[in-house]
Amino acid sequence: MAMGVLMSPALGRWFRHAIPFAILMLLLLYTSVWLFHEWPFAVPAQRTQQSGLWEHKLPSSPVFTSLLPFTSGVLPGCRPGMQSCKPEGPLPSQIDPALRRLMVPEKEEPPCLGPHGGLGRMVSPFLACMSPEGDVELSQYLAGWRELLRFLTPLGSVFAFATSEAFNKVTDLEARVHGPDASHYTSLVTMATWERRAGLLERLGTKPPHPAGPSGSRTLLLLHRALRWSQLCLHRVATGTIGGPDAGTQCGDAYNTALAPHHPWLIRQAARLAILTLPSRSSLLQLACPGTGEADARVALARAARVLEDVYNRTQGLLAGHGLLQLV
């Protein structure tokens, strides 16, 4: 008998039908696997486009357009059908910036920094005096000093001691800004340039006094030093820590840094006696920003002191560039 298995006619017919059926099942299985990968993203999109009951169009608003990366079903850097992927860059924000501002309102600034507050009236002209060209406009600088004097005087005798002399210097410089040579006193640079040509910038004692009196640059230098003391004192009152040095000690240190090296012994002693009468930090903060809590008053005073520092730094650079820091 020959080796092999003789296939019966019935078994042969079964194989002829089973093979096409198996091929069909494999095709169905492949199609199912392919659709399983594609449908999670494709089917919802088709339904929203074709189904009248499920169709919901997003309004053309910035709030909704910011959500489009998610409503499309595909994150940036991912392809439809991928089970997992790493998006390119940070995930898009789902909250529009305008809506976020409504949800988290910004805290209002203290009234003392507003246009009718003492700090606000002082800060505004000092900011305006710093021109885009890098100069200092004298009319705005002096207007800022006027408001600074008005602000400092009620804070205590030490400030009154310092501001009384500053008041005279502001008045003297304003007379030049509005006098017959006003065109030469529009800014620090124009003043220094003109006064050097006119021979007004020699150090005291090197030549006979000029008939016109002390130069405007010399007067500005004295105001400049006083501004540094005011800025340091206000900054330290605003930022001093609880349990640390009191306001009098900190303002005294500021005086020793900014003004004492330029004052004779008698003036230094008078200033130190005046500093002993300085009110407490909490009283100064209440005087600086009335009707405001201590934390907000500290923030407001520190912001004002930062503006004074910007003006001081701008003026310091210009005075140094024109060789005017040693006039007095």
C-alpha atoms as a PDB file:
ATOM      1  CA  MET A   1       0.000   0.000   0.000  1.00  0.00           C
ATOM      2  CA  ALA A   2       1.389   3.402  -0.991  1.00  0.00           C
ATOM      3  CA  MET A   3       2.354   5.696   1.900  1.00  0.00           C
ATOM      4  CA  GLY A   4       0.057   8.662   2.501  1.00  0.00           C
ATOM      5  CA  VAL A   5      -3.452   9.233   3.450  1.00  0.00           C
ATOM      6  CA  LEU A   6      -6.200   8.941   0.951  1.00  0.00           C
ATOM      7  CA  MET A   7      -8.600  11.872   1.315  1.00  0.00           C
ATOM      8  CA  SER A   8     -12.270  11.051   1.123  1.00  0.00           C
ATOM      9  CA  PRO A   9     -14.443  13.123  -1.218  1.00  0.00           C
ATOM     10  CA  ALA A  10     -16.343  14.666   1.743  1.00  0.00           C
ATOM     11  CA  LEU A  11     -13.140  15.741   3.471  1.00  0.00           C
ATOM     12  CA  GLY A  12     -11.859  17.281   0.236  1.00  0.00           C
ATOM     13  CA  ARG A  13     -15.006  19.334  -0.175  1.00  0.00           C
ATOM     14  CA  TRP A  14     -14.668  20.601   3.424  1.00  0.00           C
ATOM     15  CA  PHE A  15     -11.117  21.807   2.842  1.00  0.00           C
ATOM     16  CA  ARG A  16     -12.135  23.586  -0.345  1.00  0.00           C
ATOM     17  CA  HIS A  17     -14.734  25.601   1.613  1.00  0.00           C
ATOM     18  CA  ALA A  18     -12.659  26.059   4.788  1.00  0.00           C
ATOM     19  CA  ILE A  19      -9.673  27.708   3.116  1.00  0.00           C
ATOM     20  CA  PRO A  20     -11.608  30.685   1.645  1.00  0.00           C
ATOM     21  CA  PHE A  21     -13.479  31.014   4.965  1.00  0.00           C
ATOM     22  CA  ALA A  22     -10.195  31.193   6.891  1.00  0.00           C
ATOM     23  CA  ILE A  23      -8.864  33.830   4.497  1.00  0.00           C
ATOM     24  CA  LEU A  24     -12.054  35.850   4.966  1.00  0.00           C
ATOM     25  CA  MET A  25     -11.737  35.653   8.760  1.00  0.00           C
ATOM     26  CA  LEU A  26      -8.133  36.853   8.612  1.00  0.00           C
ATOM     27  CA  LEU A  27      -9.209  39.831   6.502  1.00  0.00           C
ATOM     28  CA  LEU A  28     -11.991  40.647   8.983  1.00  0.00           C
ATOM     29  CA  LEU A  29      -9.567  40.389  11.895  1.00  0.00           C
ATOM     30  CA  TYR A  30      -7.078  42.733  10.189  1.00  0.00           C
ATOM     31  CA  THR A  31      -9.862  45.217   9.380  1.00  0.00           C
ATOM     32  CA  SER A  32     -11.079  45.165  12.990  1.00  0.00           C
ATOM     33  CA  VAL A  33      -7.603  45.860  14.358  1.00  0.00           C
ATOM     34  CA  TRP A  34      -7.123  48.763  11.934  1.00  0.00           C
ATOM     35  CA  LEU A  35     -10.508  50.298  12.831  1.00  0.00           C
ATOM     36  CA  PHE A  36      -9.759  49.905  16.550  1.00  0.00           C
ATOM     37  CA  HIS A  37      -6.763  52.242  16.117  1.00  0.00           C
ATOM     38  CA  GLU A  38      -8.562  54.766  13.927  1.00  0.00           C
ATOM     39  CA  TRP A  39     -12.058  55.105  15.410  1.00  0.00           C
ATOM     40  CA  PRO A  40     -11.251  56.799  18.782  1.00  0.00           C
ATOM     41  CA  PHE A  41     -10.425  59.984  16.847  1.00  0.00           C
ATOM     42  CA  ALA A  42     -12.283  59.664  13.549  1.00  0.00           C
ATOM     43  CA  VAL A  43     -15.766  58.562  14.677  1.00  0.00           C
ATOM     44  CA  PRO A  44     -16.550  61.492  17.014  1.00  0.00           C
ATOM     45  CA  ALA A  45     -15.450  63.958  14.328  1.00  0.00           C
ATOM     46  CA  GLN A  46     -17.797  62.297  11.784  1.00  0.00           C
ATOM     47  CA  ARG A  47     -20.678  62.349  14.176  1.00  0.00           C
ATOM     48  CA  THR A  48     -20.322  65.991  15.000  1.00  0.00           C
ATOM     49  CA  GLN A  49     -20.235  66.814  11.292  1.00  0.00           C
ATOM     50  CA  GLN A  50     -22.999  64.503  10.068  1.00  0.00           C
ATOM     51  CA  SER A  51     -25.390  63.947  12.960  1.00  0.00           C
ATOM     52  CA  GLY A  52     -28.025  66.629  13.249  1.00  0.00           C
ATOM     53  CA  LEU A  53     -28.721  65.714  16.880  1.00  0.00           C
ATOM     54  CA  TRP A  54     -25.105  65.745  18.015  1.00  0.00           C
ATOM     55  CA  GLU A  55     -23.920  68.743  16.027  1.00  0.00           C
ATOM     56  CA  HIS A  56     -22.660  71.515  18.353  1.00  0.00           C
ATOM     57  CA  LYS A  57     -20.591  74.250  16.727  1.00  0.00           C
ATOM     58  CA  LEU A  58     -18.245  76.255  18.969  1.00  0.00           C
ATOM     59  CA  PRO A  59     -18.832  80.023  18.837  1.00  0.00           C
ATOM     60  CA  SER A  60     -16.066  82.135  17.378  1.00  0.00           C
ATOM     61  CA  SER A  61     -14.834  83.525  20.724  1.00  0.00           C
ATOM     62  CA  PRO A  62     -11.253  83.824  22.018  1.00  0.00           C
ATOM     63  CA  VAL A  63     -12.272  81.700  24.995  1.00  0.00           C
ATOM     64  CA  PHE A  64     -13.268  78.813  22.732  1.00  0.00           C
ATOM     65  CA  THR A  65     -10.533  79.202  20.176  1.00  0.00           C
ATOM     66  CA  SER A  66      -8.004  78.651  22.953  1.00  0.00           C
ATOM     67  CA  LEU A  67      -9.585  75.185  23.405  1.00  0.00           C
ATOM     68  CA  LEU A  68      -9.223  74.141  19.749  1.00  0.00           C
ATOM     69  CA  PRO A  69      -6.079  72.022  20.261  1.00  0.00           C
ATOM     70  CA  PHE A  70      -8.177  69.744  22.486  1.00  0.00           C
ATOM     71  CA  THR A  71     -11.463  69.766  20.536  1.00  0.00           C
ATOM     72  CA  SER A  72      -9.660  68.554  17.439  1.00  0.00           C
ATOM     73  CA  GLY A  73      -8.715  65.370  19.332  1.00  0.00           C
ATOM     74  CA  VAL A  74      -5.026  65.533  18.433  1.00  0.00           C
ATOM     75  CA  LEU A  75      -2.293  67.225  20.470  1.00  0.00           C
ATOM     76  CA  PRO A  76       0.532  69.046  18.697  1.00  0.00           C
ATOM     77  CA  GLY A  77       3.229  66.542  17.797  1.00  0.00           C
ATOM     78  CA  CYS A  78       0.852  63.499  17.802  1.00  0.00           C
ATOM     79  CA  ARG A  79      -0.681  61.632  14.875  1.00  0.00           C
ATOM     80  CA  PRO A  80      -4.207  60.161  14.742  1.00  0.00           C
ATOM     81  CA  GLY A  81      -4.212  56.493  15.651  1.00  0.00           C
ATOM     82  CA  MET A  82      -1.241  56.599  18.017  1.00  0.00           C
ATOM     83  CA  GLN A  83      -1.958  55.013  21.403  1.00  0.00           C
ATOM     84  CA  SER A  84       0.496  57.276  23.234  1.00  0.00           C
ATOM     85  CA  CYS A  85       2.803  60.077  22.292  1.00  0.00           C
ATOM     86  CA  LYS A  86       4.785  62.938  23.791  1.00  0.00           C
ATOM     87  CA  PRO A  87       3.339  66.306  22.742  1.00  0.00           C
ATOM     88  CA  GLU A  88       5.730  68.919  21.368  1.00  0.00           C
ATOM     89  CA  GLY A  89       6.115  71.752  23.905  1.00  0.00           C
ATOM     90  CA  PRO A  90       3.823  72.570  26.831  1.00  0.00           C
ATOM     91  CA  LEU A  91       0.158  71.691  26.724  1.00  0.00           C
ATOM     92  CA  PRO A  92      -2.044  74.546  25.443  1.00  0.00           C
ATOM     93  CA  SER A  93      -3.816  76.557  28.129  1.00  0.00           C
ATOM     94  CA  GLN A  94      -7.530  75.885  28.377  1.00  0.00           C
ATOM     95  CA  ILE A  95      -8.244  79.279  29.966  1.00  0.00           C
ATOM     96  CA  ASP A  96      -8.148  82.435  27.896  1.00  0.00           C
ATOM     97  CA  PRO A  97      -5.949  85.178  29.426  1.00  0.00           C
ATOM     98  CA  ALA A  98      -8.862  87.624  29.416  1.00  0.00           C
ATOM     99  CA  LEU A  99     -11.030  85.093  31.239  1.00  0.00           C
ATOM    100  CA  ARG A 100      -8.207  84.333  33.687  1.00  0.00           C
ATOM    101  CA  ARG A 101      -8.017  88.011  34.640  1.00  0.00           C
ATOM    102  CA  LEU A 102     -11.737  87.956  35.401  1.00  0.00           C
ATOM    103  CA  MET A 103     -11.386  84.798  37.469  1.00  0.00           C
ATOM    104  CA  VAL A 104      -8.382  86.151  39.480  1.00  0.00           C
ATOM    105  CA  PRO A 105      -8.822  89.929  39.822  1.00  0.00           C
ATOM    106  CA  GLU A 106      -5.698  91.971  40.382  1.00  0.00           C
ATOM    107  CA  LYS A 107      -5.324  93.552  43.801  1.00  0.00           C
ATOM    108  CA  GLU A 108      -6.009  97.269  43.832  1.00  0.00           C
ATOM    109  CA  GLU A 109      -3.052  99.504  44.624  1.00  0.00           C
ATOM    110  CA  PRO A 110      -3.191 101.484  47.881  1.00  0.00           C
ATOM    111  CA  PRO A 111      -4.859 104.921  47.583  1.00  0.00           C
ATOM    112  CA  CYS A 112      -1.630 106.628  48.671  1.00  0.00           C
ATOM    113  CA  LEU A 113      -0.075 105.562  45.341  1.00  0.00           C
ATOM    114  CA  GLY A 114      -2.985 106.969  43.344  1.00  0.00           C
ATOM    115  CA  PRO A 115      -3.055 110.403  41.719  1.00  0.00           C
ATOM    116  CA  HIS A 116      -4.463 111.992  44.896  1.00  0.00           C
ATOM    117  CA  GLY A 117      -2.202 110.174  47.372  1.00  0.00           C
ATOM    118  CA  GLY A 118       0.983 111.640  48.779  1.00  0.00           C
ATOM    119  CA  LEU A 119       3.215 108.916  47.338  1.00  0.00           C
ATOM    120  CA  GLY A 120       1.435 109.005  43.989  1.00  0.00           C
ATOM    121  CA  ARG A 121       1.841 112.777  43.630  1.00  0.00           C
ATOM    122  CA  MET A 122       5.535 112.409  44.434  1.00  0.00           C
ATOM    123  CA  VAL A 123       6.257 109.438  42.183  1.00  0.00           C
ATOM    124  CA  SER A 124       4.526 110.809  39.082  1.00  0.00           C
ATOM    125  CA  PRO A 125       6.825 113.807  38.340  1.00  0.00           C
ATOM    126  CA  PHE A 126       9.941 111.855  39.301  1.00  0.00           C
ATOM    127  CA  LEU A 127       9.014 109.219  36.737  1.00  0.00           C
ATOM    128  CA  ALA A 128       8.309 111.927  34.159  1.00  0.00           C
ATOM    129  CA  CYS A 129      11.687 113.608  34.701  1.00  0.00           C
ATOM    130  CA  MET A 130      13.574 110.616  33.264  1.00  0.00           C
ATOM    131  CA  SER A 131      13.511 111.285  29.536  1.00  0.00           C
ATOM    132  CA  PRO A 132      13.770 108.476  26.958  1.00  0.00           C
ATOM    133  CA  GLU A 133      17.069 109.990  25.785  1.00  0.00           C
ATOM    134  CA  GLY A 134      18.646 109.282  29.180  1.00  0.00           C
ATOM    135  CA  ASP A 135      18.574 112.882  30.427  1.00  0.00           C
ATOM    136  CA  VAL A 136      16.863 114.363  33.500  1.00  0.00           C
ATOM    137  CA  GLU A 137      14.307 117.109  32.824  1.00  0.00           C
ATOM    138  CA  LEU A 138      14.764 119.759  35.490  1.00  0.00           C
ATOM    139  CA  SER A 139      11.190 121.095  35.676  1.00  0.00           C
ATOM    140  CA  GLN A 140       9.774 117.626  36.414  1.00  0.00           C
ATOM    141  CA  TYR A 141      12.677 116.816  38.755  1.00  0.00           C
ATOM    142  CA  LEU A 142      11.951 119.928  40.820  1.00  0.00           C
ATOM    143  CA  ALA A 143       8.212 119.218  40.778  1.00  0.00           C
ATOM    144  CA  GLY A 144       9.022 115.803  42.209  1.00  0.00           C
ATOM    145  CA  TRP A 145      11.150 117.426  44.888  1.00  0.00           C
ATOM    146  CA  ARG A 146       8.274 119.761  45.811  1.00  0.00           C
ATOM    147  CA  GLU A 147       6.035 116.758  46.403  1.00  0.00           C
ATOM    148  CA  LEU A 148       8.797 114.926  48.255  1.00  0.00           C
ATOM    149  CA  LEU A 149       9.182 117.873  50.642  1.00  0.00           C
ATOM    150  CA  ARG A 150       5.429 117.981  51.180  1.00  0.00           C
ATOM    151  CA  PHE A 151       5.447 114.247  51.882  1.00  0.00           C
ATOM    152  CA  LEU A 152       8.444 114.201  54.241  1.00  0.00           C
ATOM    153  CA  THR A 153       7.671 117.221  56.431  1.00  0.00           C
ATOM    154  CA  PRO A 154       4.857 115.605  58.495  1.00  0.00           C
ATOM    155  CA  LEU A 155       6.931 112.471  59.179  1.00  0.00           C
ATOM    156  CA  GLY A 156       9.025 113.997  61.938  1.00  0.00           C
ATOM    157  CA  SER A 157      11.550 116.657  62.922  1.00  0.00           C
ATOM    158  CA  VAL A 158      14.462 114.838  61.284  1.00  0.00           C
ATOM    159  CA  PHE A 159      12.741 115.163  57.924  1.00  0.00           C
ATOM    160  CA  ALA A 160      11.857 118.779  58.618  1.00  0.00           C
ATOM    161  CA  PHE A 161      15.531 119.363  59.452  1.00  0.00           C
ATOM    162  CA  ALA A 162      16.611 117.888  56.121  1.00  0.00           C
ATOM    163  CA  THR A 163      13.861 119.418  54.002  1.00  0.00           C
ATOM    164  CA  SER A 164      14.278 122.993  55.217  1.00  0.00           C
ATOM    165  CA  GLU A 165      17.617 123.319  53.419  1.00  0.00           C
ATOM    166  CA  ALA A 166      16.366 121.366  50.432  1.00  0.00           C
ATOM    167  CA  PHE A 167      13.459 123.784  50.092  1.00  0.00           C
ATOM    168  CA  ASN A 168      15.866 126.699  49.583  1.00  0.00           C
ATOM    169  CA  LYS A 169      17.828 124.775  46.958  1.00  0.00           C
ATOM    170  CA  VAL A 170      14.677 123.816  45.049  1.00  0.00           C
ATOM    171  CA  THR A 171      13.577 127.459  45.051  1.00  0.00           C
ATOM    172  CA  ASP A 172      16.989 128.594  43.781  1.00  0.00           C
ATOM    173  CA  LEU A 173      17.048 126.078  40.943  1.00  0.00           C
ATOM    174  CA  GLU A 174      13.440 126.850  39.961  1.00  0.00           C
ATOM    175  CA  ALA A 175      14.472 130.505  39.559  1.00  0.00           C
ATOM    176  CA  ARG A 176      16.996 129.393  36.934  1.00  0.00           C
ATOM    177  CA  VAL A 177      14.572 127.042  35.173  1.00  0.00           C
ATOM    178  CA  HIS A 178      12.042 129.887  34.795  1.00  0.00           C
ATOM    179  CA  GLY A 179      14.534 132.786  34.572  1.00  0.00           C
ATOM    180  CA  PRO A 180      16.065 134.675  31.640  1.00  0.00           C
ATOM    181  CA  ASP A 181      18.428 131.785  30.842  1.00  0.00           C
ATOM    182  CA  ALA A 182      15.654 129.203  30.980  1.00  0.00           C
ATOM    183  CA  SER A 183      16.626 127.721  27.596  1.00  0.00           C
ATOM    184  CA  HIS A 184      19.900 126.532  29.173  1.00  0.00           C
ATOM    185  CA  TYR A 185      18.126 124.914  32.139  1.00  0.00           C
ATOM    186  CA  THR A 186      15.723 122.507  30.485  1.00  0.00           C
ATOM    187  CA  SER A 187      17.662 119.412  31.525  1.00  0.00           C
ATOM    188  CA  LEU A 188      20.705 118.347  33.491  1.00  0.00           C
ATOM    189  CA  VAL A 189      22.801 117.891  30.358  1.00  0.00           C
ATOM    190  CA  THR A 190      21.931 121.280  28.837  1.00  0.00           C
ATOM    191  CA  MET A 191      22.584 122.977  32.197  1.00  0.00           C
ATOM    192  CA  ALA A 192      25.964 121.303  32.743  1.00  0.00           C
ATOM    193  CA  THR A 193      27.076 121.997  29.156  1.00  0.00           C
ATOM    194  CA  TRP A 194      26.134 125.671  29.254  1.00  0.00           C
ATOM    195  CA  GLU A 195      27.503 126.329  32.752  1.00  0.00           C
ATOM    196  CA  ARG A 196      30.837 124.775  31.826  1.00  0.00           C
ATOM    197  CA  ARG A 197      31.121 127.079  28.814  1.00  0.00           C
ATOM    198  CA  ALA A 198      30.142 130.045  31.018  1.00  0.00           C
ATOM    199  CA  GLY A 199      32.846 129.234  33.571  1.00  0.00           C
ATOM    200  CA  LEU A 200      30.442 128.458  36.430  1.00  0.00           C
ATOM    201  CA  LEU A 201      31.703 124.985  37.313  1.00  0.00           C
ATOM    202  CA  GLU A 202      35.017 125.623  39.063  1.00  0.00           C
ATOM    203  CA  ARG A 203      35.316 124.181  42.558  1.00  0.00           C
ATOM    204  CA  LEU A 204      34.696 126.562  45.421  1.00  0.00           C
ATOM    205  CA  GLY A 205      37.907 128.322  46.506  1.00  0.00           C
ATOM    206  CA  THR A 206      39.802 127.761  43.261  1.00  0.00           C
ATOM    207  CA  LYS A 207      38.636 131.048  41.692  1.00  0.00           C
ATOM    208  CA  PRO A 208      36.794 134.171  42.845  1.00  0.00           C
ATOM    209  CA  PRO A 209      33.028 133.642  43.151  1.00  0.00           C
ATOM    210  CA  HIS A 210      31.082 134.169  39.940  1.00  0.00           C
ATOM    211  CA  PRO A 211      28.822 137.245  39.938  1.00  0.00           C
ATOM    212  CA  ALA A 212      25.843 135.039  39.122  1.00  0.00           C
ATOM    213  CA  GLY A 213      26.303 133.138  42.381  1.00  0.00           C
ATOM    214  CA  PRO A 214      26.526 129.351  42.876  1.00  0.00           C
ATOM    215  CA  SER A 215      25.897 127.370  39.740  1.00  0.00           C
ATOM    216  CA  GLY A 216      22.747 125.397  39.132  1.00  0.00           C
ATOM    217  CA  SER A 217      24.855 122.247  38.814  1.00  0.00           C
ATOM    218  CA  ARG A 218      26.259 122.767  42.312  1.00  0.00           C
ATOM    219  CA  THR A 219      22.741 123.252  43.705  1.00  0.00           C
ATOM    220  CA  LEU A 220      21.530 120.129  41.922  1.00  0.00           C
ATOM    221  CA  LEU A 221      24.414 118.111  43.381  1.00  0.00           C
ATOM    222  CA  LEU A 222      23.318 119.048  46.920  1.00  0.00           C
ATOM    223  CA  LEU A 223      19.732 118.038  46.140  1.00  0.00           C
ATOM    224  CA  HIS A 224      21.044 114.835  44.613  1.00  0.00           C
ATOM    225  CA  ARG A 225      22.757 113.836  47.869  1.00  0.00           C
ATOM    226  CA  ALA A 226      19.657 114.656  49.887  1.00  0.00           C
ATOM    227  CA  LEU A 227      17.571 112.511  47.515  1.00  0.00           C
ATOM    228  CA  ARG A 228      19.859 109.578  48.226  1.00  0.00           C
ATOM    229  CA  TRP A 229      19.294 109.921  51.959  1.00  0.00           C
ATOM    230  CA  SER A 230      15.517 110.163  51.489  1.00  0.00           C
ATOM    231  CA  GLN A 231      15.508 107.101  49.251  1.00  0.00           C
ATOM    232  CA  LEU A 232      17.603 104.983  51.617  1.00  0.00           C
ATOM    233  CA  CYS A 233      15.563 105.980  54.657  1.00  0.00           C
ATOM    234  CA  LEU A 234      12.186 105.278  53.029  1.00  0.00           C
ATOM    235  CA  HIS A 235      13.406 101.980  51.615  1.00  0.00           C
ATOM    236  CA  ARG A 236      14.659 100.786  54.999  1.00  0.00           C
ATOM    237  CA  VAL A 237      11.458 101.838  56.742  1.00  0.00           C
ATOM    238  CA  ALA A 238       9.505  99.828  54.149  1.00  0.00           C
ATOM    239  CA  THR A 239      11.655  96.688  54.238  1.00  0.00           C
ATOM    240  CA  GLY A 240      12.824  96.527  57.855  1.00  0.00           C
ATOM    241  CA  THR A 241      12.150  93.210  59.583  1.00  0.00           C
ATOM    242  CA  ILE A 242      10.156  92.723  62.749  1.00  0.00           C
ATOM    243  CA  GLY A 243      12.552  92.563  65.670  1.00  0.00           C
ATOM    244  CA  GLY A 244      15.350  94.187  63.661  1.00  0.00           C
ATOM    245  CA  PRO A 245      16.731  97.722  63.977  1.00  0.00           C
ATOM    246  CA  ASP A 246      14.075 100.390  64.484  1.00  0.00           C
ATOM    247  CA  ALA A 247      13.310 103.057  61.891  1.00  0.00           C
ATOM    248  CA  GLY A 248      15.417 105.686  63.671  1.00  0.00           C
ATOM    249  CA  THR A 249      18.499 103.494  63.608  1.00  0.00           C
ATOM    250  CA  GLN A 250      18.024 102.657  59.936  1.00  0.00           C
ATOM    251  CA  CYS A 251      17.447 106.280  58.894  1.00  0.00           C
ATOM    252  CA  GLY A 252      20.480 107.250  60.968  1.00  0.00           C
ATOM    253  CA  ASP A 253      22.569 104.722  59.071  1.00  0.00           C
ATOM    254  CA  ALA A 254      21.194 106.153  55.821  1.00  0.00           C
ATOM    255  CA  TYR A 255      22.248 109.649  56.926  1.00  0.00           C
ATOM    256  CA  ASN A 256      25.758 108.419  57.769  1.00  0.00           C
ATOM    257  CA  THR A 257      25.996 106.894  54.291  1.00  0.00           C
ATOM    258  CA  ALA A 258      24.576 109.684  52.134  1.00  0.00           C
ATOM    259  CA  LEU A 259      24.958 113.039  53.896  1.00  0.00           C
ATOM    260  CA  ALA A 260      27.226 112.899  56.937  1.00  0.00           C
ATOM    261  CA  PRO A 261      30.477 112.768  54.859  1.00  0.00           C
ATOM    262  CA  HIS A 262      29.525 116.135  53.332  1.00  0.00           C
ATOM    263  CA  HIS A 263      28.384 117.905  56.525  1.00  0.00           C
ATOM    264  CA  PRO A 264      30.486 119.695  59.162  1.00  0.00           C
ATOM    265  CA  TRP A 265      30.594 118.347  62.706  1.00  0.00           C
ATOM    266  CA  LEU A 266      27.941 120.695  64.079  1.00  0.00           C
ATOM    267  CA  ILE A 267      25.406 119.749  61.396  1.00  0.00           C
ATOM    268  CA  ARG A 268      26.086 116.048  61.959  1.00  0.00           C
ATOM    269  CA  GLN A 269      25.357 116.343  65.685  1.00  0.00           C
ATOM    270  CA  ALA A 270      22.137 118.263  65.066  1.00  0.00           C
ATOM    271  CA  ALA A 271      21.007 115.640  62.564  1.00  0.00           C
ATOM    272  CA  ARG A 272      21.688 112.773  64.990  1.00  0.00           C
ATOM    273  CA  LEU A 273      19.678 114.492  67.714  1.00  0.00           C
ATOM    274  CA  ALA A 274      16.782 114.963  65.280  1.00  0.00           C
ATOM    275  CA  ILE A 275      16.902 111.283  64.307  1.00  0.00           C
ATOM    276  CA  LEU A 276      16.263 110.344  67.963  1.00  0.00           C
ATOM    277  CA  THR A 277      12.780 111.869  67.664  1.00  0.00           C
ATOM    278  CA  LEU A 278      11.808 109.768  64.649  1.00  0.00           C
ATOM    279  CA  PRO A 279       8.430 107.995  65.136  1.00  0.00           C
ATOM    280  CA  SER A 280       8.157 104.206  65.191  1.00  0.00           C
ATOM    281  CA  ARG A 281       8.056 102.220  61.964  1.00  0.00           C
ATOM    282  CA  SER A 282       4.323 101.541  62.232  1.00  0.00           C
ATOM    283  CA  SER A 283       3.622 105.245  62.807  1.00  0.00           C
ATOM    284  CA  LEU A 284       5.753 106.209  59.801  1.00  0.00           C
ATOM    285  CA  LEU A 285       3.962 103.676  57.613  1.00  0.00           C
ATOM    286  CA  GLN A 286       0.592 105.013  58.720  1.00  0.00           C
ATOM    287  CA  LEU A 287       1.692 108.575  58.010  1.00  0.00           C
ATOM    288  CA  ALA A 288       3.090 107.554  54.613  1.00  0.00           C
ATOM    289  CA  CYS A 289       0.017 105.598  53.552  1.00  0.00           C
ATOM    290  CA  PRO A 290      -2.964 106.550  55.768  1.00  0.00           C
ATOM    291  CA  GLY A 291      -5.916 104.207  55.993  1.00  0.00           C
ATOM    292  CA  THR A 292      -3.912 101.234  54.723  1.00  0.00           C
ATOM    293  CA  GLY A 293      -2.727  98.073  56.462  1.00  0.00           C
ATOM    294  CA  GLU A 294       0.945  97.780  57.313  1.00  0.00           C
ATOM    295  CA  ALA A 295       1.688  95.180  54.623  1.00  0.00           C
ATOM    296  CA  ASP A 296       0.183  97.336  51.842  1.00  0.00           C
ATOM    297  CA  ALA A 297       1.865 100.453  53.216  1.00  0.00           C
ATOM    298  CA  ARG A 298       5.235  98.674  53.099  1.00  0.00           C
ATOM    299  CA  VAL A 299       4.660  97.683  49.473  1.00  0.00           C
ATOM    300  CA  ALA A 300       3.629 101.232  48.506  1.00  0.00           C
ATOM    301  CA  LEU A 301       6.576 102.853  50.280  1.00  0.00           C
ATOM    302  CA  ALA A 302       9.048 100.377  48.788  1.00  0.00           C
ATOM    303  CA  ARG A 303       7.687 101.078  45.302  1.00  0.00           C
ATOM    304  CA  ALA A 304       8.079 104.825  45.799  1.00  0.00           C
ATOM    305  CA  ALA A 305      11.621 104.352  47.141  1.00  0.00           C
ATOM    306  CA  ARG A 306      12.470 102.317  44.036  1.00  0.00           C
ATOM    307  CA  VAL A 307      11.415 105.221  41.804  1.00  0.00           C
ATOM    308  CA  LEU A 308      13.641 107.572  43.820  1.00  0.00           C
ATOM    309  CA  GLU A 309      16.495 105.112  43.389  1.00  0.00           C
ATOM    310  CA  ASP A 310      15.993 105.074  39.610  1.00  0.00           C
ATOM    311  CA  VAL A 311      16.114 108.877  39.520  1.00  0.00           C
ATOM    312  CA  TYR A 312      19.183 108.915  41.746  1.00  0.00           C
ATOM    313  CA  ASN A 313      21.031 106.388  39.585  1.00  0.00           C
ATOM    314  CA  ARG A 314      20.197 108.295  36.398  1.00  0.00           C
ATOM    315  CA  THR A 315      21.370 111.589  37.936  1.00  0.00           C
ATOM    316  CA  GLN A 316      24.492 110.002  39.429  1.00  0.00           C
ATOM    317  CA  GLY A 317      25.566 108.724  36.036  1.00  0.00           C
ATOM    318  CA  LEU A 318      25.054 112.088  34.361  1.00  0.00           C
ATOM    319  CA  LEU A 319      26.858 114.027  37.077  1.00  0.00           C
ATOM    320  CA  ALA A 320      29.783 111.597  36.932  1.00  0.00           C
ATOM    321  CA  GLY A 321      29.897 111.800  33.146  1.00  0.00           C
ATOM    322  CA  HIS A 322      30.205 115.580  33.290  1.00  0.00           C
ATOM    323  CA  GLY A 323      32.723 115.551  36.144  1.00  0.00           C
ATOM    324  CA  LEU A 324      30.365 117.269  38.601  1.00  0.00           C
ATOM    325  CA  LEU A 325      30.395 114.946  41.631  1.00  0.00           C
ATOM    326  CA  GLN A 326      33.151 116.925  43.383  1.00  0.00           C
ATOM    327  CA  LEU A 327      31.826 120.441  42.856  1.00  0.00           C
ATOM    328  CA  VAL A 328      30.985 120.725  46.570  1.00  0.00           C
END
